[in-house]
Amino acid sequence: MIDMHCHILPGIDDGSKNLEESMLILENAATSGVTDIIFTPHYIKGTKYCYDNRAKKQLTEILVEAMKRTDLEINVHFGNEVYIDQNIPEMLENGEIATLAGSRYLLLELPVATEDLSAPDLIFRLKSQGITPIIAHPERYDYFTRDLKKIDRYLELGCLMQGDYMSILGKYGKAAKKSLTKLLKANKIQMLASDIHHSSSDYHIPEVEKKLMKILKSDDKIQNLMIENPERIIKNLDIK
């Protein structure tokens, strides 16, 4: 697996609390067969989750050195999960936030309860600047779970969709599980990720793959969601 959404950088958001916990998660990832990880700490303007890229890159370097000392062989990359903000184009321009692995792809988080009606305008501006938004875990937003057809508009605007695969194991409730299953069957999810936050969690890859096989009935589709498309992000290639 290539994990393109996680919260492993220590002490920077609601994910890993310290270096020790980060290393436990990374050891779990390596044991589970994860070959590449894109660190995606939250960036929410005007909150405590707004560390600049310089600080985050320094933390990444510390983690990489710790991995070398323990012979953990995972390729690591840098990014952000950015909460929607109309100033995102400017934030990208001044280096305040980062795309995924330096690519054209930006991981975008939407509000959970109430749809941001300004989102289409932001998406249009990002697309006009060559940036493709990837909507994080659409199955967890209330307004999408009530009406999955709303997602079609975002797809038509040129967004991609990243599901949290733990949703199909029920981690985020029945509505999220049902929504992700329907979206996968309709081919409206382009990639799956762990969105892992803490060492108390697990990657559950074999269990997830069994569930996905029941839903998709295709190993090729599973590979596409968990390996091929995430790899295309890292290489800045078009997504299938």
C-alpha atoms as a PDB file:
ATOM      1  CA  MET A   1       0.000   0.000   0.000  1.00  0.00           C
ATOM      2  CA  ILE A   2       0.918   3.647  -0.534  1.00  0.00           C
ATOM      3  CA  ASP A   3      -0.662   5.783   2.184  1.00  0.00           C
ATOM      4  CA  MET A   4      -1.374   9.301   0.927  1.00  0.00           C
ATOM      5  CA  HIS A   5      -3.286  10.612   3.961  1.00  0.00           C
ATOM      6  CA  CYS A   6      -2.102  10.265   7.575  1.00  0.00           C
ATOM      7  CA  HIS A   7      -1.296  12.271  10.690  1.00  0.00           C
ATOM      8  CA  ILE A   8       2.043  10.885  11.827  1.00  0.00           C
ATOM      9  CA  LEU A   9       4.181  14.018  12.252  1.00  0.00           C
ATOM     10  CA  PRO A  10       4.572  14.405  16.031  1.00  0.00           C
ATOM     11  CA  GLY A  11       2.938  17.108  18.133  1.00  0.00           C
ATOM     12  CA  ILE A  12       1.615  19.146  15.243  1.00  0.00           C
ATOM     13  CA  ASP A  13      -2.114  18.388  15.028  1.00  0.00           C
ATOM     14  CA  ASP A  14      -4.623  15.899  16.475  1.00  0.00           C
ATOM     15  CA  GLY A  15      -2.464  12.982  15.349  1.00  0.00           C
ATOM     16  CA  SER A  16       0.717  11.546  16.843  1.00  0.00           C
ATOM     17  CA  LYS A  17       1.648  13.220  20.125  1.00  0.00           C
ATOM     18  CA  ASN A  18       5.404  12.638  20.082  1.00  0.00           C
ATOM     19  CA  LEU A  19       8.300  11.016  18.227  1.00  0.00           C
ATOM     20  CA  GLU A  20       7.860   7.727  20.086  1.00  0.00           C
ATOM     21  CA  GLU A  21       4.229   7.412  18.946  1.00  0.00           C
ATOM     22  CA  SER A  22       5.173   8.381  15.386  1.00  0.00           C
ATOM     23  CA  MET A  23       7.766   5.603  15.281  1.00  0.00           C
ATOM     24  CA  LEU A  24       5.241   3.060  16.577  1.00  0.00           C
ATOM     25  CA  ILE A  25       2.842   4.012  13.773  1.00  0.00           C
ATOM     26  CA  LEU A  26       5.612   3.805  11.179  1.00  0.00           C
ATOM     27  CA  GLU A  27       6.707   0.394  12.472  1.00  0.00           C
ATOM     28  CA  ASN A  28       3.097  -0.741  12.169  1.00  0.00           C
ATOM     29  CA  ALA A  29       2.973   0.655   8.628  1.00  0.00           C
ATOM     30  CA  ALA A  30       6.153  -1.149   7.586  1.00  0.00           C
ATOM     31  CA  THR A  31       4.939  -4.441   9.058  1.00  0.00           C
ATOM     32  CA  SER A  32       1.623  -3.976   7.234  1.00  0.00           C
ATOM     33  CA  GLY A  33       3.343  -3.601   3.871  1.00  0.00           C
ATOM     34  CA  VAL A  34       3.206   0.179   3.406  1.00  0.00           C
ATOM     35  CA  THR A  35       5.991   1.223   1.021  1.00  0.00           C
ATOM     36  CA  ASP A  36       5.364   4.980   0.778  1.00  0.00           C
ATOM     37  CA  ILE A  37       3.710   7.545   3.030  1.00  0.00           C
ATOM     38  CA  ILE A  38       2.723  11.147   2.403  1.00  0.00           C
ATOM     39  CA  PHE A  39       2.599  13.028   5.706  1.00  0.00           C
ATOM     40  CA  THR A  40      -0.523  15.216   5.627  1.00  0.00           C
ATOM     41  CA  PRO A  41      -0.828  17.232   8.858  1.00  0.00           C
ATOM     42  CA  HIS A  42      -3.939  19.361   9.185  1.00  0.00           C
ATOM     43  CA  TYR A  43      -3.723  22.985   8.119  1.00  0.00           C
ATOM     44  CA  ILE A  44      -6.640  25.025   9.425  1.00  0.00           C
ATOM     45  CA  LYS A  45      -6.125  28.771   9.107  1.00  0.00           C
ATOM     46  CA  GLY A  46      -6.680  30.696  12.321  1.00  0.00           C
ATOM     47  CA  THR A  47      -6.320  27.660  14.620  1.00  0.00           C
ATOM     48  CA  LYS A  48      -3.448  25.962  16.411  1.00  0.00           C
ATOM     49  CA  TYR A  49      -3.201  23.588  13.440  1.00  0.00           C
ATOM     50  CA  CYS A  50      -1.332  25.986  11.214  1.00  0.00           C
ATOM     51  CA  TYR A  51       2.367  25.166  11.545  1.00  0.00           C
ATOM     52  CA  ASP A  52       4.282  26.486   8.563  1.00  0.00           C
ATOM     53  CA  ASN A  53       5.979  24.205   6.078  1.00  0.00           C
ATOM     54  CA  ARG A  54       9.418  24.980   7.429  1.00  0.00           C
ATOM     55  CA  ALA A  55       8.517  23.505  10.840  1.00  0.00           C
ATOM     56  CA  LYS A  56       6.814  20.506   9.246  1.00  0.00           C
ATOM     57  CA  LYS A  57       9.771  19.772   7.003  1.00  0.00           C
ATOM     58  CA  GLN A  58      12.076  19.865  10.023  1.00  0.00           C
ATOM     59  CA  LEU A  59       9.852  17.325  11.798  1.00  0.00           C
ATOM     60  CA  THR A  60       9.877  15.174   8.663  1.00  0.00           C
ATOM     61  CA  GLU A  61      13.691  15.207   8.652  1.00  0.00           C
ATOM     62  CA  ILE A  62      13.746  14.168  12.326  1.00  0.00           C
ATOM     63  CA  LEU A  63      11.434  11.248  11.562  1.00  0.00           C
ATOM     64  CA  VAL A  64      13.491  10.190   8.544  1.00  0.00           C
ATOM     65  CA  GLU A  65      16.656  10.110  10.663  1.00  0.00           C
ATOM     66  CA  ALA A  66      14.890   8.052  13.344  1.00  0.00           C
ATOM     67  CA  MET A  67      13.685   5.633  10.655  1.00  0.00           C
ATOM     68  CA  LYS A  68      17.234   5.204   9.365  1.00  0.00           C
ATOM     69  CA  ARG A  69      18.463   4.335  12.849  1.00  0.00           C
ATOM     70  CA  THR A  70      15.836   1.584  13.149  1.00  0.00           C
ATOM     71  CA  ASP A  71      16.135   0.361   9.537  1.00  0.00           C
ATOM     72  CA  LEU A  72      12.535   1.219   8.644  1.00  0.00           C
ATOM     73  CA  GLU A  73      12.318   1.142   4.869  1.00  0.00           C
ATOM     74  CA  ILE A  74       9.427   3.440   3.972  1.00  0.00           C
ATOM     75  CA  ASN A  75       9.686   6.266   1.447  1.00  0.00           C
ATOM     76  CA  VAL A  76       8.268   9.424   2.994  1.00  0.00           C
ATOM     77  CA  HIS A  77       6.842  12.500   1.285  1.00  0.00           C
ATOM     78  CA  PHE A  78       5.391  15.783   2.469  1.00  0.00           C
ATOM     79  CA  GLY A  79       1.981  17.431   2.112  1.00  0.00           C
ATOM     80  CA  ASN A  80      -0.994  18.842   3.998  1.00  0.00           C
ATOM     81  CA  GLU A  81      -4.658  18.176   4.591  1.00  0.00           C
ATOM     82  CA  VAL A  82      -5.912  21.722   4.080  1.00  0.00           C
ATOM     83  CA  TYR A  83      -9.248  22.858   5.461  1.00  0.00           C
ATOM     84  CA  ILE A  84     -11.236  24.796   2.885  1.00  0.00           C
ATOM     85  CA  ASP A  85     -10.384  28.505   2.757  1.00  0.00           C
ATOM     86  CA  GLN A  86     -10.865  30.988  -0.064  1.00  0.00           C
ATOM     87  CA  ASN A  87      -7.243  32.108   0.418  1.00  0.00           C
ATOM     88  CA  ILE A  88      -5.793  28.687  -0.468  1.00  0.00           C
ATOM     89  CA  PRO A  89      -4.400  29.852  -3.847  1.00  0.00           C
ATOM     90  CA  GLU A  90      -2.438  32.601  -2.081  1.00  0.00           C
ATOM     91  CA  MET A  91      -1.432  30.213   0.715  1.00  0.00           C
ATOM     92  CA  LEU A  92       0.033  27.880  -1.902  1.00  0.00           C
ATOM     93  CA  GLU A  93       1.817  30.709  -3.641  1.00  0.00           C
ATOM     94  CA  ASN A  94       3.562  31.944  -0.507  1.00  0.00           C
ATOM     95  CA  GLY A  95       4.514  28.441   0.655  1.00  0.00           C
ATOM     96  CA  GLU A  96       2.204  28.445   3.664  1.00  0.00           C
ATOM     97  CA  ILE A  97       0.756  25.063   2.682  1.00  0.00           C
ATOM     98  CA  ALA A  98       1.956  22.141   0.573  1.00  0.00           C
ATOM     99  CA  THR A  99       0.491  19.978  -2.146  1.00  0.00           C
ATOM    100  CA  LEU A 100       0.941  16.211  -1.951  1.00  0.00           C
ATOM    101  CA  ALA A 101       4.596  15.282  -2.526  1.00  0.00           C
ATOM    102  CA  GLY A 102       5.137  18.522  -4.443  1.00  0.00           C
ATOM    103  CA  SER A 103       2.635  17.451  -7.095  1.00  0.00           C
ATOM    104  CA  ARG A 104      -0.347  19.221  -8.690  1.00  0.00           C
ATOM    105  CA  TYR A 105      -2.653  17.455  -6.195  1.00  0.00           C
ATOM    106  CA  LEU A 106      -3.954  19.175  -3.044  1.00  0.00           C
ATOM    107  CA  LEU A 107      -5.717  17.267  -0.249  1.00  0.00           C
ATOM    108  CA  LEU A 108      -8.749  19.386   0.660  1.00  0.00           C
ATOM    109  CA  GLU A 109     -10.907  18.948   3.760  1.00  0.00           C
ATOM    110  CA  LEU A 110     -14.506  20.185   3.765  1.00  0.00           C
ATOM    111  CA  PRO A 111     -16.796  21.039   6.715  1.00  0.00           C
ATOM    112  CA  VAL A 112     -18.419  18.003   8.324  1.00  0.00           C
ATOM    113  CA  ALA A 113     -21.931  19.271   9.033  1.00  0.00           C
ATOM    114  CA  THR A 114     -22.764  22.119   6.648  1.00  0.00           C
ATOM    115  CA  GLU A 115     -21.737  22.386   3.011  1.00  0.00           C
ATOM    116  CA  ASP A 116     -19.531  25.353   2.110  1.00  0.00           C
ATOM    117  CA  LEU A 117     -21.360  26.890  -0.843  1.00  0.00           C
ATOM    118  CA  SER A 118     -18.225  28.810  -1.832  1.00  0.00           C
ATOM    119  CA  ALA A 119     -16.358  25.545  -2.505  1.00  0.00           C
ATOM    120  CA  PRO A 120     -17.104  25.414  -6.274  1.00  0.00           C
ATOM    121  CA  ASP A 121     -15.609  28.883  -6.757  1.00  0.00           C
ATOM    122  CA  LEU A 122     -12.430  27.879  -4.896  1.00  0.00           C
ATOM    123  CA  ILE A 123     -12.169  24.647  -6.879  1.00  0.00           C
ATOM    124  CA  PHE A 124     -12.550  26.547 -10.155  1.00  0.00           C
ATOM    125  CA  ARG A 125      -9.742  28.942  -9.172  1.00  0.00           C
ATOM    126  CA  LEU A 126      -7.455  26.088  -8.109  1.00  0.00           C
ATOM    127  CA  LYS A 127      -8.084  24.199 -11.343  1.00  0.00           C
ATOM    128  CA  SER A 128      -7.343  27.338 -13.369  1.00  0.00           C
ATOM    129  CA  GLN A 129      -3.950  27.474 -11.615  1.00  0.00           C
ATOM    130  CA  GLY A 130      -3.180  23.837 -12.437  1.00  0.00           C
ATOM    131  CA  ILE A 131      -4.046  22.438  -8.990  1.00  0.00           C
ATOM    132  CA  THR A 132      -6.343  19.413  -8.694  1.00  0.00           C
ATOM    133  CA  PRO A 133      -8.182  19.187  -5.359  1.00  0.00           C
ATOM    134  CA  ILE A 134      -8.605  15.756  -3.794  1.00  0.00           C
ATOM    135  CA  ILE A 135     -11.574  15.794  -1.418  1.00  0.00           C
ATOM    136  CA  ALA A 136     -10.651  13.961   1.780  1.00  0.00           C
ATOM    137  CA  HIS A 137     -13.097  11.308   3.070  1.00  0.00           C
ATOM    138  CA  PRO A 138     -16.317  12.478   1.337  1.00  0.00           C
ATOM    139  CA  GLU A 139     -18.211   9.610   2.974  1.00  0.00           C
ATOM    140  CA  ARG A 140     -17.873  11.366   6.338  1.00  0.00           C
ATOM    141  CA  TYR A 141     -19.570  14.659   5.452  1.00  0.00           C
ATOM    142  CA  ASP A 142     -23.196  14.789   6.600  1.00  0.00           C
ATOM    143  CA  TYR A 143     -24.554  16.601   3.527  1.00  0.00           C
ATOM    144  CA  PHE A 144     -22.952  14.035   1.213  1.00  0.00           C
ATOM    145  CA  THR A 145     -24.221  11.022   3.179  1.00  0.00           C
ATOM    146  CA  ARG A 146     -27.730  12.492   3.016  1.00  0.00           C
ATOM    147  CA  ASP A 147     -27.447  13.008  -0.758  1.00  0.00           C
ATOM    148  CA  LEU A 148     -24.542  11.293  -2.512  1.00  0.00           C
ATOM    149  CA  LYS A 149     -25.534  12.961  -5.800  1.00  0.00           C
ATOM    150  CA  LYS A 150     -24.000  16.170  -4.403  1.00  0.00           C
ATOM    151  CA  ILE A 151     -20.607  14.569  -4.988  1.00  0.00           C
ATOM    152  CA  ASP A 152     -21.232  14.516  -8.744  1.00  0.00           C
ATOM    153  CA  ARG A 153     -20.903  18.293  -8.923  1.00  0.00           C
ATOM    154  CA  TYR A 154     -17.452  18.163  -7.343  1.00  0.00           C
ATOM    155  CA  LEU A 155     -16.376  15.418  -9.730  1.00  0.00           C
ATOM    156  CA  GLU A 156     -17.668  17.451 -12.676  1.00  0.00           C
ATOM    157  CA  LEU A 157     -15.597  20.403 -11.466  1.00  0.00           C
ATOM    158  CA  GLY A 158     -12.496  18.205 -11.727  1.00  0.00           C
ATOM    159  CA  CYS A 159     -12.038  17.086  -8.112  1.00  0.00           C
ATOM    160  CA  LEU A 160     -10.913  13.623  -7.114  1.00  0.00           C
ATOM    161  CA  MET A 161     -12.193  11.672  -4.112  1.00  0.00           C
ATOM    162  CA  GLN A 162     -10.146   9.943  -1.392  1.00  0.00           C
ATOM    163  CA  GLY A 163     -11.985   7.588   0.933  1.00  0.00           C
ATOM    164  CA  ASP A 164     -10.852   6.584   4.419  1.00  0.00           C
ATOM    165  CA  TYR A 165     -10.778   2.814   4.074  1.00  0.00           C
ATOM    166  CA  MET A 166     -11.511   2.341   7.773  1.00  0.00           C
ATOM    167  CA  SER A 167     -14.999   3.642   6.986  1.00  0.00           C
ATOM    168  CA  ILE A 168     -15.880   0.280   5.419  1.00  0.00           C
ATOM    169  CA  LEU A 169     -14.924  -1.399   8.708  1.00  0.00           C
ATOM    170  CA  GLY A 170     -17.407   0.851  10.508  1.00  0.00           C
ATOM    171  CA  LYS A 171     -14.939   3.144  12.293  1.00  0.00           C
ATOM    172  CA  TYR A 172     -16.904   6.296  11.435  1.00  0.00           C
ATOM    173  CA  GLY A 173     -20.411   4.894  11.813  1.00  0.00           C
ATOM    174  CA  LYS A 174     -23.062   3.242   9.684  1.00  0.00           C
ATOM    175  CA  ALA A 175     -23.712   6.242   7.422  1.00  0.00           C
ATOM    176  CA  ALA A 176     -20.046   6.572   6.432  1.00  0.00           C
ATOM    177  CA  LYS A 177     -19.741   2.814   5.854  1.00  0.00           C
ATOM    178  CA  LYS A 178     -22.837   2.746   3.653  1.00  0.00           C
ATOM    179  CA  SER A 179     -21.792   5.875   1.735  1.00  0.00           C
ATOM    180  CA  LEU A 180     -18.261   4.678   0.995  1.00  0.00           C
ATOM    181  CA  THR A 181     -19.579   1.305  -0.163  1.00  0.00           C
ATOM    182  CA  LYS A 182     -21.982   3.002  -2.599  1.00  0.00           C
ATOM    183  CA  LEU A 183     -19.307   5.407  -3.841  1.00  0.00           C
ATOM    184  CA  LEU A 184     -16.859   2.569  -4.450  1.00  0.00           C
ATOM    185  CA  LYS A 185     -19.429   0.585  -6.383  1.00  0.00           C
ATOM    186  CA  ALA A 186     -20.194   3.669  -8.493  1.00  0.00           C
ATOM    187  CA  ASN A 187     -16.461   4.235  -9.221  1.00  0.00           C
ATOM    188  CA  LYS A 188     -16.584   7.683  -7.619  1.00  0.00           C
ATOM    189  CA  ILE A 189     -13.599   7.088  -5.314  1.00  0.00           C
ATOM    190  CA  GLN A 190     -10.163   7.325  -6.937  1.00  0.00           C
ATOM    191  CA  MET A 191      -7.981   6.413  -3.947  1.00  0.00           C
ATOM    192  CA  LEU A 192      -8.146   5.013  -0.430  1.00  0.00           C
ATOM    193  CA  ALA A 193      -5.969   5.941   2.550  1.00  0.00           C
ATOM    194  CA  SER A 194      -5.622   5.150   6.242  1.00  0.00           C
ATOM    195  CA  ASP A 195      -6.056   8.667   7.719  1.00  0.00           C
ATOM    196  CA  ILE A 196      -4.295   7.093  10.706  1.00  0.00           C
ATOM    197  CA  HIS A 197      -3.799   9.341  13.756  1.00  0.00           C
ATOM    198  CA  HIS A 198      -2.520   7.234  16.645  1.00  0.00           C
ATOM    199  CA  SER A 199      -0.516   4.126  17.499  1.00  0.00           C
ATOM    200  CA  SER A 200      -3.621   2.637  19.122  1.00  0.00           C
ATOM    201  CA  SER A 201      -4.994   2.184  15.598  1.00  0.00           C
ATOM    202  CA  ASP A 202      -3.877  -0.404  13.069  1.00  0.00           C
ATOM    203  CA  TYR A 203      -3.600  -0.480   9.291  1.00  0.00           C
ATOM    204  CA  HIS A 204      -5.916  -3.529   8.969  1.00  0.00           C
ATOM    205  CA  ILE A 205      -4.873  -4.000   5.329  1.00  0.00           C
ATOM    206  CA  PRO A 206      -5.748  -7.722   4.946  1.00  0.00           C
ATOM    207  CA  GLU A 207      -9.169  -7.165   6.542  1.00  0.00           C
ATOM    208  CA  VAL A 208      -9.805  -4.122   4.356  1.00  0.00           C
ATOM    209  CA  GLU A 209      -8.799  -5.971   1.193  1.00  0.00           C
ATOM    210  CA  LYS A 210     -11.289  -8.749   1.964  1.00  0.00           C
ATOM    211  CA  LYS A 211     -14.068  -6.189   2.406  1.00  0.00           C
ATOM    212  CA  LEU A 212     -13.059  -4.415  -0.793  1.00  0.00           C
ATOM    213  CA  MET A 213     -13.066  -7.658  -2.746  1.00  0.00           C
ATOM    214  CA  LYS A 214     -16.661  -8.264  -1.685  1.00  0.00           C
ATOM    215  CA  ILE A 215     -17.604  -4.753  -2.799  1.00  0.00           C
ATOM    216  CA  LEU A 216     -15.560  -4.411  -5.998  1.00  0.00           C
ATOM    217  CA  LYS A 217     -14.949  -8.046  -6.958  1.00  0.00           C
ATOM    218  CA  SER A 218     -11.721  -6.960  -8.662  1.00  0.00           C
ATOM    219  CA  ASP A 219      -8.142  -7.127  -7.446  1.00  0.00           C
ATOM    220  CA  ASP A 220      -7.164  -4.671 -10.193  1.00  0.00           C
ATOM    221  CA  LYS A 221      -9.556  -2.049  -8.799  1.00  0.00           C
ATOM    222  CA  ILE A 222      -8.192  -2.532  -5.287  1.00  0.00           C
ATOM    223  CA  GLN A 223      -4.620  -2.118  -6.558  1.00  0.00           C
ATOM    224  CA  ASN A 224      -5.694   1.002  -8.404  1.00  0.00           C
ATOM    225  CA  LEU A 225      -7.210   2.548  -5.266  1.00  0.00           C
ATOM    226  CA  MET A 226      -4.462   1.639  -2.803  1.00  0.00           C
ATOM    227  CA  ILE A 227      -1.278   1.590  -4.883  1.00  0.00           C
ATOM    228  CA  GLU A 228      -1.481   2.810  -8.481  1.00  0.00           C
ATOM    229  CA  ASN A 229      -3.316   6.111  -8.100  1.00  0.00           C
ATOM    230  CA  PRO A 230      -1.444   7.119  -4.908  1.00  0.00           C
ATOM    231  CA  GLU A 231       1.783   6.371  -6.791  1.00  0.00           C
ATOM    232  CA  ARG A 232       0.592   8.578  -9.647  1.00  0.00           C
ATOM    233  CA  ILE A 233       0.157  11.413  -7.146  1.00  0.00           C
ATOM    234  CA  ILE A 234       3.757  11.055  -5.975  1.00  0.00           C
ATOM    235  CA  LYS A 235       4.960  10.992  -9.603  1.00  0.00           C
ATOM    236  CA  ASN A 236       2.636  13.896 -10.515  1.00  0.00           C
ATOM    237  CA  LEU A 237       0.934  11.872 -13.246  1.00  0.00           C
ATOM    238  CA  ASP A 238      -2.685  11.865 -14.376  1.00  0.00           C
ATOM    239  CA  ILE A 239      -5.038   9.801 -12.227  1.00  0.00           C
ATOM    240  CA  LYS A 240      -6.888   6.926 -13.871  1.00  0.00           C
END
